[in-house]
N, C-alpha and C. Protein backbone atom coordinates (compact mmCIF):
# COMPACT_ATOMS: atom_id res chain seq x y z
N UNK A 1 117.20 -166.21 59.92
CA UNK A 1 116.88 -167.65 60.69
C UNK A 1 115.29 -168.24 60.33
N UNK A 2 115.07 -169.46 60.43
CA UNK A 2 114.16 -170.06 60.05
C UNK A 2 113.08 -170.59 61.25
N UNK A 3 113.82 -170.28 62.54
CA UNK A 3 113.17 -170.95 63.58
C UNK A 3 112.72 -170.19 64.59
N UNK A 4 110.98 -170.18 64.73
CA UNK A 4 110.49 -169.36 65.64
C UNK A 4 109.90 -170.13 66.39
N UNK A 5 108.97 -169.35 67.52
CA UNK A 5 108.59 -170.06 68.72
C UNK A 5 107.10 -170.77 68.23
N UNK A 6 106.52 -171.80 68.67
CA UNK A 6 105.27 -172.03 68.18
C UNK A 6 104.49 -172.06 69.89
N UNK A 7 103.29 -172.21 70.06
CA UNK A 7 102.72 -171.94 71.30
C UNK A 7 101.59 -172.96 71.17
N UNK A 8 101.79 -174.30 72.09
CA UNK A 8 100.75 -175.07 72.19
C UNK A 8 99.63 -175.14 73.38
N UNK A 9 98.33 -174.65 73.06
CA UNK A 9 97.39 -174.49 73.74
C UNK A 9 96.69 -175.34 74.26
N UNK A 10 96.32 -175.92 75.42
CA UNK A 10 95.64 -177.16 76.08
C UNK A 10 94.20 -176.62 76.34
N UNK A 11 93.51 -177.40 76.46
CA UNK A 11 91.97 -177.09 76.58
C UNK A 11 91.96 -176.52 77.88
N UNK A 12 93.00 -177.06 79.13
CA UNK A 12 92.78 -176.38 80.60
C UNK A 12 93.55 -174.72 80.69
N UNK A 13 93.81 -174.44 79.24
CA UNK A 13 94.29 -173.26 79.51
C UNK A 13 96.05 -173.35 79.75
N UNK A 14 96.49 -174.62 79.78
CA UNK A 14 97.97 -174.85 79.89
C UNK A 14 98.66 -174.43 78.47
N UNK A 15 99.70 -173.80 78.61
CA UNK A 15 100.60 -173.44 77.39
C UNK A 15 101.91 -174.05 77.28
N UNK A 16 102.06 -174.72 76.47
CA UNK A 16 103.64 -175.41 76.33
C UNK A 16 104.21 -174.65 75.11
N UNK A 17 105.64 -174.96 74.71
CA UNK A 17 106.22 -174.67 73.49
C UNK A 17 107.06 -174.94 72.64
N UNK A 18 107.44 -174.79 71.93
CA UNK A 18 108.10 -175.59 70.91
C UNK A 18 109.04 -174.93 69.84
N UNK A 19 109.57 -175.39 68.76
CA UNK A 19 110.39 -174.91 68.00
C UNK A 19 109.38 -174.93 66.51
N UNK A 20 109.32 -173.77 65.82
CA UNK A 20 108.91 -174.27 64.77
C UNK A 20 109.49 -173.82 63.54
N UNK A 21 109.70 -174.47 62.63
CA UNK A 21 111.15 -173.99 61.49
C UNK A 21 110.12 -173.40 60.23
N UNK A 22 110.08 -172.60 59.53
CA UNK A 22 109.62 -171.92 58.48
C UNK A 22 110.15 -172.32 57.13
N UNK A 23 111.45 -173.20 57.51
CA UNK A 23 112.19 -173.44 55.86
C UNK A 23 111.42 -175.33 55.60
N UNK A 24 111.38 -175.81 56.51
CA UNK A 24 110.03 -177.13 56.25
C UNK A 24 108.56 -176.84 56.80
N UNK A 25 108.51 -175.58 57.51
CA UNK A 25 107.11 -175.53 57.83
C UNK A 25 106.59 -176.61 58.52
N UNK A 26 107.27 -176.71 59.86
CA UNK A 26 106.83 -177.94 60.70
C UNK A 26 107.17 -177.36 61.96
N UNK A 27 106.39 -177.83 63.09
CA UNK A 27 106.81 -178.06 64.39
C UNK A 27 107.36 -179.21 64.84
N UNK A 28 108.27 -179.05 66.21
CA UNK A 28 109.13 -180.22 66.44
C UNK A 28 108.93 -180.31 67.76
N UNK A 29 108.84 -181.56 67.99
CA UNK A 29 109.06 -182.11 69.47
C UNK A 29 110.37 -182.07 69.92
N UNK A 30 110.51 -181.77 70.90
CA UNK A 30 109.54 -181.99 72.29
C UNK A 30 109.06 -180.65 72.89
N UNK A 31 108.07 -180.75 73.34
CA UNK A 31 107.68 -179.61 74.20
C UNK A 31 108.47 -179.15 75.27
N UNK A 32 108.28 -177.84 75.56
CA UNK A 32 109.27 -177.24 76.76
C UNK A 32 108.07 -176.76 77.50
N UNK A 33 108.31 -176.32 78.64
CA UNK A 33 107.26 -175.68 79.86
C UNK A 33 107.57 -173.95 80.02
N UNK A 34 108.10 -173.80 79.65
CA UNK A 34 108.72 -171.96 79.45
C UNK A 34 108.95 -171.23 78.29
N UNK A 35 109.02 -169.84 78.31
CA UNK A 35 109.22 -169.37 77.36
C UNK A 35 110.14 -168.26 77.41
N UNK A 36 111.17 -167.62 76.98
CA UNK A 36 111.78 -166.73 77.47
C UNK A 36 111.52 -165.40 76.01
N UNK A 37 110.81 -164.22 76.73
CA UNK A 37 110.07 -163.26 75.43
C UNK A 37 111.59 -162.42 75.27
N UNK A 38 111.26 -161.64 74.03
CA UNK A 38 112.33 -160.66 73.58
C UNK A 38 112.61 -159.55 74.69
N UNK A 39 114.17 -159.88 75.14
CA UNK A 39 114.57 -158.53 76.02
C UNK A 39 114.81 -159.60 77.29
N UNK A 40 114.26 -160.68 77.51
CA UNK A 40 114.59 -161.24 78.80
C UNK A 40 116.28 -162.13 78.35
N UNK A 41 116.48 -162.68 79.71
CA UNK A 41 117.66 -163.51 79.72
C UNK A 41 117.86 -165.03 79.19
N UNK A 42 118.40 -165.13 78.53
CA UNK A 42 118.33 -166.78 78.46
C UNK A 42 119.30 -167.52 79.23
N UNK A 43 119.12 -168.95 79.64
CA UNK A 43 119.86 -169.89 80.53
C UNK A 43 121.29 -169.84 80.27
N UNK A 44 121.97 -169.19 78.94
CA UNK A 44 123.00 -169.24 78.72
C UNK A 44 123.55 -167.57 79.00
N UNK A 45 122.48 -166.68 79.52
CA UNK A 45 122.96 -165.46 79.95
C UNK A 45 123.26 -164.40 78.95
N UNK A 46 122.82 -164.98 77.65
CA UNK A 46 122.48 -163.94 76.41
C UNK A 46 121.33 -163.40 76.78
N UNK A 47 120.81 -162.28 76.05
CA UNK A 47 119.92 -161.43 76.11
C UNK A 47 119.01 -162.07 75.05
N UNK A 48 117.59 -162.58 74.89
CA UNK A 48 116.44 -162.90 74.18
C UNK A 48 116.32 -161.86 73.28
N UNK A 49 116.60 -162.25 72.19
CA UNK A 49 116.10 -161.29 70.56
C UNK A 49 114.84 -161.88 70.30
N UNK A 50 114.64 -163.24 70.34
CA UNK A 50 113.26 -163.96 69.61
C UNK A 50 112.73 -164.77 70.57
N UNK A 51 111.75 -164.34 70.95
CA UNK A 51 111.13 -165.61 71.97
C UNK A 51 111.27 -167.02 71.59
N UNK A 52 111.44 -167.69 72.75
CA UNK A 52 112.30 -168.77 72.52
C UNK A 52 111.43 -169.86 73.57
N UNK A 53 111.53 -171.05 73.12
CA UNK A 53 111.41 -172.24 74.59
C UNK A 53 112.51 -172.48 75.00
N UNK A 54 112.09 -172.07 76.27
CA UNK A 54 113.10 -172.60 77.47
C UNK A 54 112.92 -173.53 78.80
N UNK A 55 114.09 -174.02 79.17
CA UNK A 55 113.79 -174.99 80.46
C UNK A 55 114.04 -176.65 80.10
N UNK A 56 113.82 -177.67 81.08
CA UNK A 56 114.09 -178.79 80.45
C UNK A 56 113.14 -179.08 79.45
N UNK A 57 113.34 -179.89 78.44
CA UNK A 57 112.21 -180.51 77.39
C UNK A 57 111.60 -181.56 78.21
N UNK A 58 110.47 -181.42 78.00
CA UNK A 58 109.36 -182.47 78.79
C UNK A 58 109.38 -183.52 77.90
N UNK A 59 109.36 -184.62 78.88
CA UNK A 59 109.52 -186.25 78.57
C UNK A 59 108.65 -186.47 77.34
N UNK A 60 109.41 -186.72 76.35
CA UNK A 60 108.28 -187.57 75.26
C UNK A 60 109.02 -188.85 74.53
N UNK A 61 108.17 -189.66 74.03
CA UNK A 61 108.62 -190.69 73.42
C UNK A 61 107.71 -191.39 71.87
N UNK A 62 108.71 -190.59 71.09
CA UNK A 62 108.40 -191.07 69.95
C UNK A 62 107.78 -192.35 69.61
N UNK A 63 108.44 -193.14 70.28
CA UNK A 63 108.40 -194.75 69.90
C UNK A 63 107.16 -195.14 70.85
N UNK A 64 106.48 -194.55 71.53
CA UNK A 64 105.37 -194.83 72.43
C UNK A 64 104.17 -195.24 71.60
N UNK A 65 103.39 -196.32 71.62
CA UNK A 65 102.09 -196.64 71.23
C UNK A 65 101.32 -195.15 71.20
N UNK A 66 100.45 -194.87 70.15
CA UNK A 66 99.62 -194.14 70.34
C UNK A 66 98.30 -194.06 71.09
N UNK A 67 98.17 -193.19 71.98
CA UNK A 67 97.13 -192.98 72.95
C UNK A 67 95.68 -193.26 72.16
N UNK A 68 94.78 -194.26 72.71
CA UNK A 68 93.68 -194.57 72.40
C UNK A 68 92.74 -193.26 71.57
N UNK A 69 92.03 -193.48 70.34
CA UNK A 69 91.89 -192.39 70.12
C UNK A 69 90.77 -191.33 70.58
N UNK A 70 89.96 -191.96 71.86
CA UNK A 70 89.37 -191.06 72.67
C UNK A 70 90.07 -190.51 73.90
N UNK A 71 91.06 -190.61 73.93
CA UNK A 71 92.43 -189.99 74.83
C UNK A 71 93.30 -188.98 74.16
N UNK A 72 93.04 -188.99 72.63
CA UNK A 72 93.95 -188.23 72.21
C UNK A 72 93.37 -186.50 72.36
N UNK A 73 94.12 -185.39 72.77
CA UNK A 73 93.67 -184.13 72.89
C UNK A 73 93.54 -182.78 72.08
N UNK A 74 92.81 -182.47 71.87
CA UNK A 74 92.58 -181.34 70.68
C UNK A 74 93.53 -180.04 71.44
N UNK A 75 94.43 -179.82 70.64
CA UNK A 75 95.15 -178.22 71.06
C UNK A 75 95.11 -177.28 69.94
N UNK A 76 95.62 -176.24 70.44
CA UNK A 76 95.78 -175.13 69.20
C UNK A 76 96.92 -174.63 69.41
N UNK A 77 97.44 -174.85 68.07
CA UNK A 77 99.08 -174.56 67.50
C UNK A 77 99.03 -172.89 67.04
N UNK A 78 99.90 -172.61 67.59
CA UNK A 78 100.00 -170.74 67.25
C UNK A 78 101.65 -170.70 67.10
N UNK A 79 101.93 -170.34 65.69
CA UNK A 79 103.41 -169.93 65.67
C UNK A 79 103.60 -168.60 65.02
N UNK A 80 104.82 -168.12 65.49
CA UNK A 80 105.29 -166.75 65.03
C UNK A 80 105.99 -167.18 63.60
N UNK A 81 106.38 -165.89 63.11
CA UNK A 81 105.99 -164.64 63.19
C UNK A 81 104.92 -163.71 62.95
N UNK A 82 103.72 -164.77 62.13
CA UNK A 82 102.48 -164.36 61.92
C UNK A 82 101.53 -164.79 62.71
N UNK A 83 101.73 -165.59 63.65
CA UNK A 83 100.60 -166.28 64.53
C UNK A 83 99.37 -166.94 63.85
N UNK A 84 99.98 -167.37 62.97
CA UNK A 84 99.21 -168.54 62.18
C UNK A 84 98.80 -169.70 63.38
N UNK A 85 97.42 -169.54 63.15
CA UNK A 85 96.71 -170.75 64.39
C UNK A 85 96.16 -171.91 63.82
N UNK A 86 96.40 -173.22 64.08
CA UNK A 86 95.37 -174.29 63.72
C UNK A 86 95.50 -175.29 64.78
N UNK A 87 94.64 -176.33 64.87
CA UNK A 87 94.37 -177.30 65.54
C UNK A 87 95.14 -178.63 65.25
N UNK A 88 95.52 -179.56 66.59
CA UNK A 88 96.31 -180.74 66.24
C UNK A 88 96.08 -181.16 67.37
N UNK A 89 96.43 -182.54 67.46
CA UNK A 89 96.15 -183.78 68.11
C UNK A 89 97.18 -183.94 69.26
N UNK A 90 97.37 -184.00 70.32
CA UNK A 90 98.33 -184.47 71.10
C UNK A 90 98.22 -185.67 71.74
N UNK A 91 99.29 -186.50 72.09
CA UNK A 91 99.27 -187.95 72.35
C UNK A 91 99.50 -187.78 73.80
N UNK A 92 99.02 -188.04 75.18
CA UNK A 92 99.40 -188.13 76.24
C UNK A 92 99.99 -188.99 76.30
N UNK A 93 100.04 -190.32 76.01
CA UNK A 93 101.00 -191.41 76.42
C UNK A 93 102.52 -191.35 76.12
N UNK A 94 102.49 -190.63 74.59
CA UNK A 94 104.03 -190.61 74.35
C UNK A 94 104.47 -188.83 74.66
N UNK A 95 103.85 -187.91 75.09
CA UNK A 95 103.85 -186.63 75.66
C UNK A 95 104.31 -186.33 74.33
N UNK A 96 103.88 -186.20 73.14
CA UNK A 96 104.14 -185.77 71.94
C UNK A 96 103.04 -184.98 71.27
N UNK A 97 103.34 -183.98 70.22
CA UNK A 97 102.36 -183.40 69.51
C UNK A 97 102.40 -184.36 68.16
N UNK A 98 101.04 -184.98 67.91
CA UNK A 98 100.90 -185.83 66.73
C UNK A 98 100.96 -185.43 65.55
N UNK A 99 100.07 -183.93 65.60
CA UNK A 99 99.99 -183.28 64.41
C UNK A 99 98.48 -183.26 63.99
N UNK A 100 98.25 -182.17 62.92
CA UNK A 100 99.08 -181.61 62.03
C UNK A 100 100.05 -180.50 62.73
N UNK A 101 101.20 -180.84 62.07
CA UNK A 101 102.54 -180.10 62.77
C UNK A 101 102.63 -178.51 61.88
N UNK A 102 101.59 -178.35 60.84
CA UNK A 102 101.71 -177.16 60.03
C UNK A 102 100.55 -176.76 59.79
N UNK A 103 100.14 -175.30 59.68
CA UNK A 103 98.61 -175.28 59.59
C UNK A 103 98.56 -175.23 57.79
N UNK A 104 99.44 -175.20 56.91
CA UNK A 104 99.45 -175.42 55.55
C UNK A 104 98.72 -176.97 55.25
N UNK A 105 98.59 -177.77 56.30
CA UNK A 105 97.75 -178.87 56.01
C UNK A 105 96.34 -178.77 55.50
N UNK A 106 95.68 -177.25 55.77
CA UNK A 106 94.43 -176.95 55.31
C UNK A 106 94.03 -176.86 54.13
N UNK A 107 95.22 -176.77 53.46
CA UNK A 107 95.34 -176.20 51.87
C UNK A 107 95.13 -177.51 51.17
N UNK A 108 96.07 -177.94 51.49
CA UNK A 108 96.50 -179.58 51.00
C UNK A 108 95.03 -180.57 51.24
N UNK A 109 94.56 -180.45 52.35
CA UNK A 109 93.00 -181.00 52.19
C UNK A 109 92.37 -180.58 51.44
N UNK A 110 92.33 -179.48 51.41
CA UNK A 110 91.02 -178.87 50.65
C UNK A 110 91.23 -178.97 48.92
N UNK A 111 92.72 -179.29 48.69
CA UNK A 111 92.97 -179.84 47.06
C UNK A 111 92.89 -180.73 47.09
N UNK A 112 92.57 -181.82 47.68
CA UNK A 112 92.57 -183.32 47.35
C UNK A 112 91.27 -184.02 47.95
N UNK A 113 90.87 -183.47 49.05
CA UNK A 113 89.77 -184.10 50.00
C UNK A 113 88.40 -183.44 49.37
N UNK A 114 87.05 -184.61 49.91
CA UNK A 114 85.91 -183.58 50.03
C UNK A 114 85.35 -184.82 51.17
N UNK A 115 84.44 -183.85 52.04
CA UNK A 115 83.65 -184.65 52.85
C UNK A 115 82.36 -185.13 52.34
N UNK A 116 82.00 -186.38 52.82
CA UNK A 116 80.64 -187.15 52.05
C UNK A 116 79.78 -187.87 53.47
N UNK A 117 78.74 -187.48 53.29
CA UNK A 117 78.00 -188.31 54.66
C UNK A 117 77.87 -189.62 54.38
N UNK A 118 77.51 -190.48 55.81
CA UNK A 118 77.02 -191.72 55.25
C UNK A 118 75.61 -191.98 55.58
N UNK A 119 75.03 -192.99 55.81
CA UNK A 119 73.46 -192.85 56.03
C UNK A 119 73.64 -192.91 57.47
N UNK A 120 74.21 -192.76 58.40
CA UNK A 120 73.92 -192.03 59.44
C UNK A 120 74.29 -190.49 60.01
N UNK A 121 74.54 -189.94 58.92
CA UNK A 121 74.96 -188.86 58.73
C UNK A 121 76.32 -188.14 59.14
N UNK A 122 77.29 -189.10 59.41
CA UNK A 122 78.84 -188.77 59.56
C UNK A 122 79.61 -188.60 58.27
N UNK A 123 80.37 -187.36 58.95
CA UNK A 123 81.34 -186.92 57.63
C UNK A 123 82.03 -187.66 57.41
N UNK A 124 82.36 -188.14 56.26
CA UNK A 124 83.67 -189.31 55.90
C UNK A 124 84.49 -188.14 55.15
N UNK A 125 86.19 -188.31 55.43
CA UNK A 125 87.01 -187.84 54.44
C UNK A 125 87.31 -188.72 53.30
N UNK A 126 87.12 -187.98 52.10
CA UNK A 126 87.20 -188.98 50.74
C UNK A 126 88.31 -188.50 49.60
N UNK A 127 89.27 -189.06 49.41
CA UNK A 127 90.37 -188.30 48.65
C UNK A 127 89.85 -188.25 47.25
N UNK A 128 89.94 -187.36 46.58
CA UNK A 128 89.62 -186.97 45.28
C UNK A 128 88.43 -187.09 45.27
N UNK A 129 87.50 -186.84 46.14
CA UNK A 129 85.90 -186.42 46.62
C UNK A 129 85.21 -187.38 46.01
N UNK A 130 86.03 -188.53 46.11
CA UNK A 130 85.08 -189.78 45.87
C UNK A 130 85.18 -190.76 46.67
N UNK A 131 84.17 -191.91 47.44
CA UNK A 131 84.74 -193.08 48.05
C UNK A 131 85.74 -194.03 47.43
N UNK A 132 86.20 -194.76 48.20
CA UNK A 132 86.34 -194.87 49.57
C UNK A 132 86.54 -193.97 50.32
N UNK A 133 86.08 -193.85 51.69
CA UNK A 133 86.85 -192.48 52.91
C UNK A 133 87.98 -193.13 53.17
N UNK A 134 88.74 -192.50 53.90
CA UNK A 134 90.17 -192.63 54.25
C UNK A 134 90.10 -193.55 55.29
N UNK A 135 89.09 -193.77 55.89
CA UNK A 135 88.87 -194.80 57.15
C UNK A 135 88.70 -196.03 56.57
N UNK A 136 88.15 -196.25 55.14
CA UNK A 136 87.52 -197.46 54.81
C UNK A 136 86.32 -197.68 54.42
N UNK A 137 85.45 -196.60 54.86
CA UNK A 137 83.78 -196.44 54.71
C UNK A 137 83.57 -196.31 53.50
N UNK A 138 82.27 -196.80 52.97
CA UNK A 138 82.10 -196.30 51.83
C UNK A 138 80.66 -195.00 51.77
N UNK A 139 80.84 -194.06 52.13
CA UNK A 139 79.60 -193.19 52.33
C UNK A 139 79.00 -192.89 51.01
N UNK A 140 77.51 -192.62 50.80
CA UNK A 140 77.08 -192.47 49.49
C UNK A 140 76.13 -191.09 49.32
N UNK A 141 76.40 -190.00 50.47
CA UNK A 141 75.49 -189.22 50.69
C UNK A 141 76.25 -188.12 49.58
N UNK A 142 75.69 -187.00 49.49
CA UNK A 142 76.23 -185.85 49.12
C UNK A 142 77.69 -185.15 49.78
N UNK A 143 78.15 -184.86 48.38
CA UNK A 143 79.69 -183.98 48.75
C UNK A 143 78.98 -182.63 49.47
N UNK A 144 79.99 -182.36 50.47
CA UNK A 144 80.03 -181.45 51.03
C UNK A 144 80.43 -180.14 50.80
N UNK A 145 81.21 -179.92 50.02
CA UNK A 145 81.77 -178.69 49.28
C UNK A 145 83.44 -178.26 49.75
N UNK A 146 83.84 -179.40 50.50
CA UNK A 146 85.55 -179.00 50.91
C UNK A 146 86.59 -178.88 49.78
N UNK A 147 86.15 -179.81 49.03
CA UNK A 147 87.16 -180.40 47.62
C UNK A 147 87.04 -179.18 46.89
N UNK A 148 88.48 -178.06 46.49
CA UNK A 148 88.70 -177.17 45.55
C UNK A 148 89.79 -177.36 45.19
N UNK A 149 90.35 -178.05 43.99
CA UNK A 149 91.41 -177.79 43.65
C UNK A 149 92.33 -176.29 43.11
N UNK A 150 93.60 -176.21 43.73
CA UNK A 150 94.16 -175.25 43.34
C UNK A 150 94.75 -175.30 42.20
N UNK A 151 95.23 -174.12 41.49
CA UNK A 151 95.71 -173.48 40.30
C UNK A 151 96.55 -174.60 39.82
N UNK A 152 97.40 -175.30 41.03
CA UNK A 152 98.46 -175.84 40.14
C UNK A 152 98.18 -177.11 39.73
N UNK A 153 96.81 -177.61 39.95
CA UNK A 153 96.09 -178.73 39.19
C UNK A 153 95.54 -178.51 38.10
N UNK A 154 95.76 -177.40 37.54
CA UNK A 154 95.42 -176.70 36.22
C UNK A 154 96.60 -176.51 35.24
N UNK A 155 97.56 -176.71 35.70
CA UNK A 155 98.84 -176.07 34.73
C UNK A 155 98.93 -177.26 33.78
N UNK A 156 99.04 -176.49 32.51
CA UNK A 156 99.21 -176.78 31.22
C UNK A 156 97.50 -177.39 30.91
N UNK A 157 96.34 -177.04 31.36
CA UNK A 157 95.10 -176.85 31.24
C UNK A 157 94.89 -175.69 30.39
N UNK A 158 93.83 -175.88 29.06
CA UNK A 158 93.64 -174.48 28.28
C UNK A 158 92.41 -173.99 29.39
N UNK A 159 91.89 -173.11 29.78
CA UNK A 159 90.75 -172.32 30.11
C UNK A 159 89.92 -171.26 29.32
N UNK A 160 89.06 -170.95 29.65
CA UNK A 160 88.16 -169.63 28.81
C UNK A 160 88.13 -168.91 29.78
N UNK A 161 88.93 -168.53 31.02
CA UNK A 161 88.34 -167.59 31.70
C UNK A 161 89.72 -167.45 32.96
N UNK A 162 89.76 -166.67 33.76
CA UNK A 162 90.98 -166.80 34.72
C UNK A 162 90.57 -167.99 35.79
N UNK A 163 91.60 -168.39 36.40
CA UNK A 163 91.24 -169.65 37.33
C UNK A 163 90.59 -169.18 38.48
N UNK A 164 89.60 -170.10 38.78
CA UNK A 164 89.01 -169.64 40.04
C UNK A 164 89.57 -169.58 41.52
N UNK A 165 89.17 -168.57 42.10
CA UNK A 165 89.91 -168.25 43.70
C UNK A 165 89.45 -169.19 44.42
N UNK A 166 90.44 -169.79 45.29
CA UNK A 166 90.17 -170.84 46.69
C UNK A 166 89.60 -170.05 47.66
N UNK A 167 88.30 -170.54 47.91
CA UNK A 167 87.57 -170.18 49.41
C UNK A 167 88.62 -170.49 50.06
N UNK A 168 88.39 -169.82 51.25
CA UNK A 168 89.15 -170.14 52.24
C UNK A 168 89.19 -171.44 53.06
N UNK A 169 90.65 -172.17 53.04
CA UNK A 169 90.50 -173.39 53.73
C UNK A 169 90.36 -173.72 55.10
N UNK A 170 89.47 -174.51 55.40
CA UNK A 170 89.07 -174.62 56.73
C UNK A 170 89.97 -175.68 57.63
N UNK A 171 89.81 -175.53 58.43
CA UNK A 171 90.74 -176.16 59.93
C UNK A 171 89.74 -177.50 60.29
N UNK A 172 89.97 -178.48 59.39
CA UNK A 172 89.02 -179.77 59.33
C UNK A 172 89.73 -180.28 61.01
N UNK A 173 90.76 -180.07 61.90
CA UNK A 173 90.95 -180.73 63.24
C UNK A 173 90.04 -180.06 64.07
N UNK A 174 90.10 -179.01 63.84
CA UNK A 174 89.13 -178.46 64.71
C UNK A 174 87.47 -178.45 65.24
N UNK A 175 86.98 -179.53 64.09
CA UNK A 175 86.11 -180.39 64.32
C UNK A 175 86.68 -181.90 64.93
N UNK A 176 87.57 -182.04 65.42
CA UNK A 176 87.62 -183.27 66.20
C UNK A 176 86.69 -183.63 66.88
N UNK A 177 85.97 -182.78 68.05
CA UNK A 177 85.00 -183.42 68.90
C UNK A 177 83.60 -183.07 68.51
N UNK A 178 83.56 -182.89 67.13
CA UNK A 178 82.18 -182.47 66.48
C UNK A 178 81.67 -184.20 66.82
N UNK A 179 80.03 -184.27 66.88
CA UNK A 179 79.66 -185.26 67.04
C UNK A 179 79.46 -186.45 65.50
N UNK A 180 79.68 -185.57 64.27
CA UNK A 180 79.16 -186.14 63.39
C UNK A 180 80.50 -186.09 62.54
N UNK A 181 81.29 -185.93 63.07
CA UNK A 181 82.94 -186.05 61.90
C UNK A 181 83.43 -187.51 62.15
N UNK A 182 84.34 -188.03 61.33
CA UNK A 182 84.85 -189.52 61.33
C UNK A 182 86.38 -189.25 61.93
N UNK A 183 86.18 -189.48 63.46
CA UNK A 183 87.60 -189.24 63.90
C UNK A 183 88.69 -190.34 63.40
N UNK A 184 88.40 -191.40 62.81
CA UNK A 184 89.15 -192.32 62.13
C UNK A 184 89.59 -191.74 60.93
N UNK A 185 88.99 -191.31 60.14
CA UNK A 185 89.11 -190.44 58.93
C UNK A 185 90.33 -189.46 59.07
N UNK A 186 90.46 -188.69 59.81
CA UNK A 186 90.89 -187.80 60.38
C UNK A 186 92.43 -188.13 60.99
N UNK A 187 92.43 -189.12 61.90
CA UNK A 187 93.41 -189.65 62.63
C UNK A 187 94.55 -190.37 61.09
N UNK A 188 93.79 -191.07 60.21
CA UNK A 188 94.56 -192.09 59.29
C UNK A 188 95.13 -191.22 58.37
N UNK A 189 94.22 -190.12 58.15
CA UNK A 189 94.78 -189.32 57.15
C UNK A 189 96.42 -188.90 57.75
N UNK A 190 96.13 -188.21 59.06
CA UNK A 190 97.50 -188.09 59.59
C UNK A 190 98.37 -188.97 59.74
N UNK A 191 98.22 -190.33 59.79
CA UNK A 191 99.40 -191.33 60.30
C UNK A 191 99.68 -191.88 59.17
N UNK A 192 99.04 -191.94 57.77
CA UNK A 192 98.95 -193.07 57.03
C UNK A 192 99.15 -192.20 55.73
N UNK A 193 100.21 -192.78 54.53
CA UNK A 193 100.72 -191.99 53.55
C UNK A 193 99.39 -192.39 52.56
N UNK A 194 99.39 -191.04 51.83
CA UNK A 194 98.51 -191.63 50.73
C UNK A 194 98.98 -192.17 49.68
N UNK A 195 97.63 -192.87 48.80
CA UNK A 195 97.83 -193.99 47.70
C UNK A 195 99.14 -193.12 46.83
N UNK A 196 99.88 -194.11 46.30
CA UNK A 196 101.05 -193.38 45.04
C UNK A 196 100.13 -192.79 44.31
N UNK A 197 98.93 -193.32 43.49
CA UNK A 197 98.13 -192.86 42.23
C UNK A 197 96.96 -192.53 42.89
N UNK A 198 95.99 -191.40 42.14
CA UNK A 198 94.90 -191.59 42.95
C UNK A 198 94.01 -192.41 41.47
N UNK A 199 92.75 -192.76 42.05
CA UNK A 199 91.86 -193.36 40.73
C UNK A 199 91.51 -192.62 39.48
N UNK A 200 91.61 -193.30 38.39
CA UNK A 200 91.37 -192.58 36.87
C UNK A 200 89.54 -192.13 36.99
N UNK A 201 89.07 -191.02 36.61
CA UNK A 201 90.25 -190.22 36.08
C UNK A 201 90.62 -189.73 37.29
N UNK A 202 91.60 -188.81 37.14
CA UNK A 202 92.21 -188.04 38.22
C UNK A 202 92.87 -186.95 37.52
N UNK A 203 92.91 -185.61 38.70
CA UNK A 203 93.60 -184.44 38.18
C UNK A 203 95.15 -184.69 38.55
N UNK A 204 95.74 -183.84 37.92
CA UNK A 204 97.57 -183.76 38.11
C UNK A 204 97.63 -183.55 39.74
N UNK A 205 98.82 -184.66 39.94
CA UNK A 205 99.20 -184.50 41.48
C UNK A 205 99.47 -183.01 41.70
N UNK A 206 99.51 -182.42 42.99
CA UNK A 206 100.10 -181.42 43.17
C UNK A 206 101.50 -181.26 43.60
N UNK A 207 102.32 -180.56 43.88
CA UNK A 207 103.56 -180.66 43.87
C UNK A 207 103.95 -181.50 45.06
N UNK A 208 105.39 -181.84 45.07
CA UNK A 208 105.71 -182.71 45.94
C UNK A 208 106.12 -182.21 47.30
N UNK A 209 106.23 -180.92 47.11
CA UNK A 209 106.67 -180.32 48.44
C UNK A 209 105.82 -180.88 49.59
N UNK A 210 104.54 -180.82 49.59
CA UNK A 210 104.11 -181.38 50.64
C UNK A 210 104.25 -182.94 51.12
N UNK A 211 104.68 -183.33 50.32
CA UNK A 211 104.85 -184.95 50.70
C UNK A 211 106.08 -184.89 51.58
N UNK A 212 106.90 -184.08 51.17
CA UNK A 212 108.59 -183.98 51.81
C UNK A 212 107.90 -183.30 53.29
N UNK A 213 107.12 -182.45 53.48
CA UNK A 213 107.06 -182.15 54.90
C UNK A 213 105.91 -183.05 55.52
N UNK A 214 105.01 -183.77 54.99
CA UNK A 214 104.61 -184.80 55.77
C UNK A 214 105.27 -185.84 56.01
N UNK A 215 106.24 -186.39 55.44
CA UNK A 215 107.44 -187.09 56.13
C UNK A 215 108.05 -186.61 57.16
N UNK A 216 108.59 -185.05 56.99
CA UNK A 216 109.44 -185.05 57.89
C UNK A 216 108.04 -184.81 59.31
N UNK A 217 107.26 -185.14 59.26
CA UNK A 217 106.28 -184.92 60.45
C UNK A 217 106.55 -186.23 60.88
N UNK A 218 106.05 -187.36 60.14
CA UNK A 218 105.82 -188.66 60.28
C UNK A 218 106.96 -189.32 60.75
N UNK A 219 108.58 -188.59 60.47
CA UNK A 219 109.51 -189.19 61.06
C UNK A 219 109.96 -189.14 62.31
C-alpha cells in the first residue's frame, strides 16, 4: 500500500492528521482530528495495522479564497514511513493545507532557483538563478547559493570528471517568518505554474514527474 499517515503540527502544539500517498508523493486534504495507532481498533471494528487518521474529517473548502498572506499559518508536516519533515502553509479561512504537500519540493527548488537580495536586503526567489524574481521584483544583489542543478540537467553532456554531488536541499518554507525572506515569492511559487520555457541560455528541463505532482497539489 502507498498510503501512510501524515502528521501536521501547528505552532501552538496542536496536531492534525492526513493521508500521504507515496505513489504521487503528496499529502491530501482534509485533515482529521485523531489518529489510530498500530494495534488500536478502527471505527470499523478492525485492528489498526498501520497508523491512520480517524474521526470526522475537519471542515475545509478547497474553493474558499486564500487567507491574507499574513494570516497563513506555518506548520510542520511529517509523513511515515520515514518521518520526512518539511514546512508548509495552512489556510485558516479554507481549513486546508495549502502546501508544499511533499518534502520533494526542496530538491526541485534547489535544482531550478536561487535567492538574490534586493537593495533592501530582502531575499527573492529567482527562476534559473536570474531576475526577475518570482514575485516580479528585479533584485540586483548577489546570488546566495541555493541553485544547484541535479545530475538530470547534465544528461547527454560531456564532462571531464564525476558529476558534482548536490548539497543538502534546504527547507525554504521553514524561513516563512524570517524578516528578510520575500513571502510573495514563496507563495507565488506555490500557487502559480512555472513559465513553460526558461529564458535562453537554459539548462535542460528536469523530468516531468514534478509537474505532475505539483498539478496534483494544485488540483
